[in-house]
Amino acid sequence: MDKKKLMLLLGAMVIAIGTAMAARSIFAGASAPRAEAAVPQGPKVLVAQRALPVGTIITADSVAFQAWPKQMIQDAYFIDGEADMSKLLGTVVRYPVTAGQPVTQGALVAPGDRGFLAAALGAGMRAVTISVSQKTGVGGFVFPGDHVDLVLTQTVRTQDGGDTLKASETILRNIRVLATDTSTETETVDGKTVVKGFRTVTLEVTPKIGEKIAVAQTIGTLSLSLRSLADNQSELDQAIASGTVKVPTGVSKEEEDKLLSQAMNRPVEGGATFVTGGDVSRFQRRTMGAAKPPAPTTAYAPASMGSRPATVVTVSGPVVRVTRGKVTSAEPVGKN
């Protein structure tokens, strides 16, 4: 190879190397392409904010309007601007709805519709109604879907009707409210919930708890104690940690949410706490006083054959009085 061809070959190699390096620097400095998610274009439909099992009472925090693809809109959906949200609050879920899924008109049953209360009840549960006043009903701030504790206040008397004891105890916990008076709706004016007084409250209970409530209403006064939403979650976490509530392995997320929801809404009986008058005021009793001794009783022992008179024995508390003829002696109980 002559010198001229060698120089041309070397020049071509230098040009190729320079071109490759320039191309590398260009691609390295360019920003990586960004993948932009397609935003659904279309009207907003009502979707579930969390899993809604059968019997769930619709509240403002359980559903919300969300943009939805126009081509996927169905006639059964609730459309923002067309649906009246105030009428949807207080309705009950008839069919389970998963989180993020649109809520259809057929999945809800409204108050006054046939089978409404039966749809609101969980499996094996019953509905009972108790009378309350403005004072015993948390001033009207109890709404359908809330959870309450039941407090029984009573006056305990001794058998002879003397001393009394004022007592109050929490007999049942985590009871779900189904309705107040005969309504399960909450009235909203200018975006604010209107607080109304009510005279009766319908509760969801087990058959056994229903029997206890029926008896408790004849003993004393029942009051409602409104529970915090955080209490249910805290007690559920403790139950899972202690093994009281167990979630089987291999279940789907929907089944797991259903089991946890049932555990959170389960009424609790037993382990009641109580307060007596002595815990509130030192001028009240803390415990029941000792019962008064029984009234004296007299027993007659038949006389033996002969002239000895009959023996009369009178018992009064811890002392026994023995009468023989005209002589009476008091003998303490237990003395030989």
Protein backbone atom coordinates (compact mmCIF):
# COMPACT_ATOMS: atom_id res chain seq x y z
CA MET A 1 0.00 0.00 0.00
CA ASP A 2 1.39 3.37 -1.01
CA LYS A 3 1.72 6.33 1.28
CA LYS A 4 -1.23 8.24 -0.24
CA LYS A 5 -3.77 5.46 0.41
CA LEU A 6 -2.50 5.02 3.95
CA MET A 7 -3.07 8.69 4.71
CA LEU A 8 -6.61 8.52 3.33
CA LEU A 9 -7.39 5.48 5.48
CA LEU A 10 -6.08 7.12 8.64
CA GLY A 11 -8.11 10.28 7.90
CA ALA A 12 -11.30 8.26 7.47
CA MET A 13 -10.74 6.52 10.80
CA VAL A 14 -10.22 9.84 12.60
CA ILE A 15 -13.43 11.24 11.08
CA ALA A 16 -15.41 8.14 12.10
CA ILE A 17 -14.14 8.27 15.68
CA GLY A 18 -14.96 11.99 15.95
CA THR A 19 -18.46 11.45 14.59
CA ALA A 20 -19.15 8.66 17.09
CA MET A 21 -17.97 10.74 20.03
CA ALA A 22 -20.07 13.73 18.93
CA ALA A 23 -23.17 11.56 18.57
CA ARG A 24 -22.61 10.07 22.05
CA SER A 25 -22.36 13.47 23.68
CA ILE A 26 -25.55 14.62 21.98
CA PHE A 27 -27.59 11.62 23.15
CA ALA A 28 -26.13 11.73 26.66
CA GLY A 29 -27.10 15.39 27.11
CA ALA A 30 -30.65 14.93 25.86
CA SER A 31 -33.32 14.51 28.60
CA ALA A 32 -35.11 11.18 28.84
CA PRO A 33 -38.64 11.21 27.41
CA ARG A 34 -41.40 11.53 30.05
CA ALA A 35 -44.40 9.26 30.03
CA GLU A 36 -47.50 11.29 30.69
CA ALA A 37 -50.59 9.46 31.95
CA ALA A 38 -53.72 10.12 30.04
CA VAL A 39 -56.13 12.15 32.10
CA PRO A 40 -59.69 10.83 31.82
CA GLN A 41 -61.75 13.29 29.90
CA GLY A 42 -65.43 13.29 30.68
CA PRO A 43 -68.00 14.08 33.38
CA LYS A 44 -67.44 13.25 37.04
CA VAL A 45 -69.18 10.18 38.44
CA LEU A 46 -69.77 9.06 42.02
CA VAL A 47 -67.18 6.49 43.15
CA ALA A 48 -66.51 4.72 46.44
CA GLN A 49 -63.71 6.22 48.52
CA ARG A 50 -63.27 2.89 50.34
CA ALA A 51 -64.74 -0.60 50.20
CA LEU A 52 -68.48 -0.47 50.88
CA PRO A 53 -69.85 -3.81 52.09
CA VAL A 54 -73.55 -4.64 52.08
CA GLY A 55 -75.39 -2.63 54.73
CA THR A 56 -73.02 0.36 54.72
CA ILE A 57 -74.79 3.65 55.33
CA ILE A 58 -73.60 6.26 52.83
CA THR A 59 -71.91 9.24 54.50
CA ALA A 60 -70.13 12.28 53.06
CA ASP A 61 -66.68 10.70 53.49
CA SER A 62 -67.54 7.33 51.93
CA VAL A 63 -68.10 8.56 48.34
CA ALA A 64 -66.86 11.37 46.09
CA PHE A 65 -67.18 12.54 42.48
CA GLN A 66 -64.26 11.68 40.20
CA ALA A 67 -63.51 12.31 36.51
CA TRP A 68 -64.31 9.29 34.35
CA PRO A 69 -63.64 8.43 30.67
CA LYS A 70 -66.57 9.61 28.57
CA GLN A 71 -66.79 6.38 26.59
CA MET A 72 -67.21 4.37 29.82
CA ILE A 73 -70.10 6.40 31.25
CA GLN A 74 -73.25 4.35 31.93
CA ASP A 75 -76.81 5.47 32.56
CA ALA A 76 -76.78 3.88 36.04
CA TYR A 77 -73.95 6.15 37.26
CA PHE A 78 -74.53 9.19 39.44
CA ILE A 79 -73.26 12.21 37.44
CA ASP A 80 -71.95 15.35 39.12
CA GLY A 81 -74.40 18.17 38.58
CA GLU A 82 -77.30 15.81 37.99
CA ALA A 83 -77.35 13.74 41.18
CA ASP A 84 -78.60 15.32 44.42
CA MET A 85 -75.94 14.47 47.01
CA SER A 86 -78.17 15.40 49.93
CA LYS A 87 -80.58 12.64 48.93
CA LEU A 88 -77.80 10.07 48.65
CA LEU A 89 -76.62 10.58 52.22
CA GLY A 90 -78.29 8.05 54.48
CA THR A 91 -78.96 5.50 51.75
CA VAL A 92 -77.76 1.94 52.28
CA VAL A 93 -75.51 -0.21 50.08
CA ARG A 94 -77.46 -3.17 48.71
CA TYR A 95 -74.59 -4.75 46.76
CA PRO A 96 -70.88 -4.57 47.72
CA VAL A 97 -68.84 -1.82 46.03
CA THR A 98 -65.04 -1.95 45.88
CA ALA A 99 -62.86 1.11 46.47
CA GLY A 100 -62.58 3.31 43.36
CA GLN A 101 -65.56 1.65 41.67
CA PRO A 102 -68.49 3.81 40.48
CA VAL A 103 -71.59 3.58 42.64
CA THR A 104 -74.62 2.60 40.57
CA GLN A 105 -78.22 3.52 41.28
CA GLY A 106 -79.15 -0.13 41.76
CA ALA A 107 -76.50 -0.56 44.47
CA LEU A 108 -78.27 1.84 46.85
CA VAL A 109 -81.60 1.58 48.61
CA ALA A 110 -83.19 4.78 49.92
CA PRO A 111 -85.10 5.31 53.17
CA GLY A 112 -88.75 4.47 52.75
CA ASP A 113 -88.06 1.89 50.05
CA ARG A 114 -89.19 -1.64 50.67
CA GLY A 115 -86.56 -3.71 52.46
CA PHE A 116 -84.49 -0.69 53.44
CA LEU A 117 -83.98 -1.62 57.10
CA ALA A 118 -83.37 -5.27 56.23
CA ALA A 119 -80.65 -4.19 53.79
CA ALA A 120 -79.04 -2.03 56.47
CA LEU A 121 -78.76 -4.95 58.89
CA GLY A 122 -75.75 -7.24 58.79
CA ALA A 123 -76.09 -11.01 58.72
CA GLY A 124 -77.49 -12.32 62.01
CA MET A 125 -78.17 -8.82 63.37
CA ARG A 126 -81.40 -7.29 64.66
CA ALA A 127 -82.82 -3.76 64.92
CA VAL A 128 -84.07 -2.41 68.27
CA THR A 129 -85.37 1.04 69.14
CA ILE A 130 -84.83 2.90 72.41
CA SER A 131 -86.26 6.16 73.69
CA VAL A 132 -83.88 9.06 74.30
CA SER A 133 -84.14 12.73 75.15
CA GLN A 134 -82.08 15.77 74.21
CA LYS A 135 -79.94 15.11 77.27
CA THR A 136 -79.49 11.35 76.85
CA GLY A 137 -79.07 11.53 73.06
CA VAL A 138 -75.86 13.61 72.90
CA GLY A 139 -77.83 16.75 72.09
CA GLY A 140 -78.89 15.42 68.69
CA PHE A 141 -75.31 15.03 67.42
CA VAL A 142 -75.81 11.33 66.69
CA PHE A 143 -76.36 10.43 63.04
CA PRO A 144 -77.04 7.18 61.15
CA GLY A 145 -73.81 5.25 60.74
CA ASP A 146 -72.27 6.52 64.01
CA HIS A 147 -71.23 4.11 66.76
CA VAL A 148 -72.27 4.64 70.37
CA ASP A 149 -71.91 3.08 73.81
CA LEU A 150 -74.97 2.49 75.98
CA VAL A 151 -74.87 3.77 79.57
CA LEU A 152 -77.42 2.57 82.14
CA THR A 153 -78.16 4.85 85.12
CA GLN A 154 -80.17 3.45 88.01
CA THR A 155 -80.95 3.78 91.71
CA VAL A 156 -80.32 0.60 93.70
CA ARG A 157 -82.28 0.09 96.91
CA THR A 158 -81.87 -2.37 99.75
CA GLN A 159 -84.53 -4.96 100.39
CA ASP A 160 -86.05 -2.99 103.26
CA GLY A 161 -86.25 0.19 101.14
CA GLY A 162 -83.80 2.11 103.32
CA ASP A 163 -80.39 3.02 101.89
CA THR A 164 -80.02 3.77 98.17
CA LEU A 165 -77.07 3.71 95.81
CA LYS A 166 -76.77 5.83 92.66
CA ALA A 167 -74.93 3.92 89.95
CA SER A 168 -74.12 4.33 86.26
CA GLU A 169 -72.41 1.72 84.07
CA THR A 170 -71.49 1.22 80.42
CA ILE A 171 -73.31 -1.99 79.58
CA LEU A 172 -72.70 -2.18 75.80
CA ARG A 173 -70.07 -0.75 73.45
CA ASN A 174 -69.65 -0.08 69.73
CA ILE A 175 -73.34 -0.19 68.79
CA ARG A 176 -74.11 1.08 65.28
CA VAL A 177 -76.89 3.63 64.84
CA LEU A 178 -79.27 2.76 62.00
CA ALA A 179 -81.75 5.62 62.29
CA THR A 180 -82.92 8.46 64.51
CA ASP A 181 -86.68 8.66 65.01
CA THR A 182 -87.96 7.13 61.77
CA SER A 183 -85.40 8.81 59.51
CA THR A 184 -81.98 7.75 58.30
CA GLU A 185 -81.36 10.96 56.38
CA THR A 186 -79.28 13.96 57.43
CA GLU A 187 -80.49 17.38 56.37
CA THR A 188 -77.90 19.67 54.78
CA VAL A 189 -78.38 23.43 54.36
CA ASP A 190 -75.72 25.57 52.62
CA GLY A 191 -73.25 22.69 52.85
CA LYS A 192 -73.68 22.31 56.62
CA THR A 193 -75.36 19.43 58.43
CA VAL A 194 -78.40 20.55 60.40
CA VAL A 195 -78.58 19.12 63.94
CA LYS A 196 -82.13 18.07 64.86
CA GLY A 197 -83.49 16.65 68.08
CA PHE A 198 -84.93 13.14 68.09
CA ARG A 199 -86.90 10.98 70.51
CA THR A 200 -85.98 7.46 69.42
CA VAL A 201 -82.85 5.77 68.11
CA THR A 202 -82.76 2.49 66.18
CA LEU A 203 -79.68 0.38 66.84
CA GLU A 204 -78.10 -2.66 65.18
CA VAL A 205 -77.51 -5.44 67.73
CA THR A 206 -77.25 -9.18 68.09
CA PRO A 207 -80.34 -11.09 69.32
CA LYS A 208 -78.78 -11.52 72.79
CA ILE A 209 -77.92 -7.83 73.09
CA GLY A 210 -81.46 -6.99 72.00
CA GLU A 211 -82.76 -8.94 74.99
CA LYS A 212 -80.39 -7.09 77.32
CA ILE A 213 -81.51 -3.69 76.02
CA ALA A 214 -85.17 -4.64 76.53
CA VAL A 215 -84.47 -5.46 80.18
CA ALA A 216 -82.19 -2.43 80.71
CA GLN A 217 -84.98 -0.05 79.68
CA THR A 218 -87.11 -1.34 82.57
CA ILE A 219 -84.28 -0.98 85.13
CA GLY A 220 -83.26 2.63 84.66
CA THR A 221 -82.41 5.32 82.10
CA LEU A 222 -80.37 4.55 78.96
CA SER A 223 -78.02 7.23 77.60
CA LEU A 224 -75.93 7.34 74.42
CA SER A 225 -72.20 7.94 74.52
CA LEU A 226 -70.85 8.84 71.06
CA ARG A 227 -67.66 7.00 70.07
CA SER A 228 -64.74 8.44 68.14
CA LEU A 229 -63.88 6.97 64.74
CA ALA A 230 -60.33 6.43 65.99
CA ASP A 231 -61.57 4.14 68.78
CA ASN A 232 -62.75 1.47 66.36
CA GLN A 233 -59.47 1.44 64.45
CA SER A 234 -57.44 1.33 67.68
CA GLU A 235 -59.49 -1.54 69.11
CA LEU A 236 -59.26 -3.38 65.78
CA ASP A 237 -55.46 -3.06 65.80
CA GLN A 238 -55.34 -4.41 69.36
CA ALA A 239 -57.63 -7.31 68.44
CA ILE A 240 -55.43 -8.23 65.45
CA ALA A 241 -52.27 -8.00 67.56
CA SER A 242 -53.76 -10.20 70.29
CA GLY A 243 -55.04 -12.77 67.81
CA THR A 244 -58.71 -12.17 68.62
CA VAL A 245 -59.33 -11.17 65.00
CA LYS A 246 -57.56 -13.35 62.45
CA VAL A 247 -57.41 -12.77 58.71
CA PRO A 248 -56.95 -16.05 56.79
CA THR A 249 -53.94 -16.23 54.52
CA GLY A 250 -54.49 -16.18 50.79
CA VAL A 251 -57.70 -14.11 50.84
CA SER A 252 -58.20 -11.29 48.36
CA LYS A 253 -57.98 -7.63 49.33
CA GLU A 254 -61.75 -7.31 48.99
CA GLU A 255 -62.40 -10.27 51.31
CA GLU A 256 -59.87 -8.94 53.82
CA ASP A 257 -61.55 -5.52 53.86
CA LYS A 258 -64.92 -7.20 54.41
CA LEU A 259 -63.63 -9.20 57.38
CA LEU A 260 -62.02 -6.16 58.98
CA SER A 261 -65.15 -4.07 58.42
CA GLN A 262 -67.28 -6.71 60.15
CA ALA A 263 -64.84 -6.81 63.07
CA MET A 264 -64.92 -3.01 63.44
CA ASN A 265 -68.74 -2.90 63.46
CA ARG A 266 -69.22 -5.80 65.87
CA PRO A 267 -71.06 -4.83 69.09
CA VAL A 268 -69.15 -5.49 72.31
CA GLU A 269 -70.75 -6.74 75.51
CA GLY A 270 -69.12 -7.54 78.81
CA GLY A 271 -66.23 -5.82 80.54
CA ALA A 272 -68.55 -3.00 81.61
CA THR A 273 -67.21 -0.05 83.57
CA PHE A 274 -69.26 1.63 86.29
CA VAL A 275 -69.33 4.66 88.58
CA THR A 276 -71.26 5.02 91.84
CA GLY A 277 -72.40 8.09 93.72
CA GLY A 278 -69.38 7.90 96.03
CA ASP A 279 -67.05 8.28 93.02
CA VAL A 280 -68.73 11.58 92.17
CA SER A 281 -69.51 13.12 95.55
CA ARG A 282 -68.30 12.30 99.04
CA PHE A 283 -71.84 12.84 100.29
CA GLN A 284 -73.04 9.84 98.29
CA ARG A 285 -72.61 6.16 99.00
CA ARG A 286 -69.91 4.12 97.27
CA THR A 287 -71.31 0.69 98.08
CA MET A 288 -74.51 -0.78 99.40
CA GLY A 289 -74.92 -0.62 103.17
CA ALA A 290 -75.07 -3.76 105.24
CA ALA A 291 -78.52 -5.28 105.39
CA LYS A 292 -80.38 -4.88 108.68
CA PRO A 293 -80.56 -7.95 110.91
CA PRO A 294 -83.68 -10.04 110.49
CA ALA A 295 -86.60 -9.42 112.80
CA PRO A 296 -86.62 -11.53 115.96
CA THR A 297 -88.33 -14.85 115.62
CA THR A 298 -89.73 -16.98 118.38
CA ALA A 299 -89.69 -20.76 118.43
CA TYR A 300 -91.53 -23.00 120.89
CA ALA A 301 -90.01 -26.24 121.98
CA PRO A 302 -92.62 -28.79 123.16
CA ALA A 303 -92.46 -29.74 126.83
CA SER A 304 -91.32 -33.17 127.75
CA MET A 305 -93.56 -35.63 129.43
CA GLY A 306 -94.02 -34.43 133.00
CA SER A 307 -94.51 -31.12 134.78
CA ARG A 308 -91.67 -29.11 133.13
CA PRO A 309 -93.10 -26.12 131.18
CA ALA A 310 -92.60 -25.60 127.44
CA THR A 311 -89.34 -23.97 126.32
CA VAL A 312 -89.55 -20.75 124.25
CA VAL A 313 -86.48 -19.78 122.14
CA THR A 314 -86.25 -16.27 120.64
CA VAL A 315 -83.55 -15.59 118.01
CA SER A 316 -82.48 -11.97 117.34
CA GLY A 317 -79.29 -11.46 115.36
CA PRO A 318 -76.24 -13.09 116.89
CA VAL A 319 -77.96 -13.58 120.30
CA VAL A 320 -80.21 -16.47 121.31
CA ARG A 321 -82.56 -15.92 124.25
CA VAL A 322 -83.63 -19.13 125.94
CA THR A 323 -86.70 -19.06 128.17
CA ARG A 324 -87.36 -21.89 130.61
CA GLY A 325 -90.50 -21.28 132.50
CA LYS A 326 -90.14 -17.81 134.00
CA VAL A 327 -86.35 -17.63 133.54
CA THR A 328 -84.91 -16.12 130.29
CA SER A 329 -81.22 -16.11 129.43
CA ALA A 330 -79.38 -14.58 126.44
CA GLU A 331 -76.87 -16.93 124.84
CA PRO A 332 -74.51 -15.56 122.15
CA VAL A 333 -74.46 -17.51 118.90
CA GLY A 334 -71.50 -19.87 118.75
CA LYS A 335 -71.06 -20.15 122.51
CA ASN A 336 -70.75 -23.70 123.78
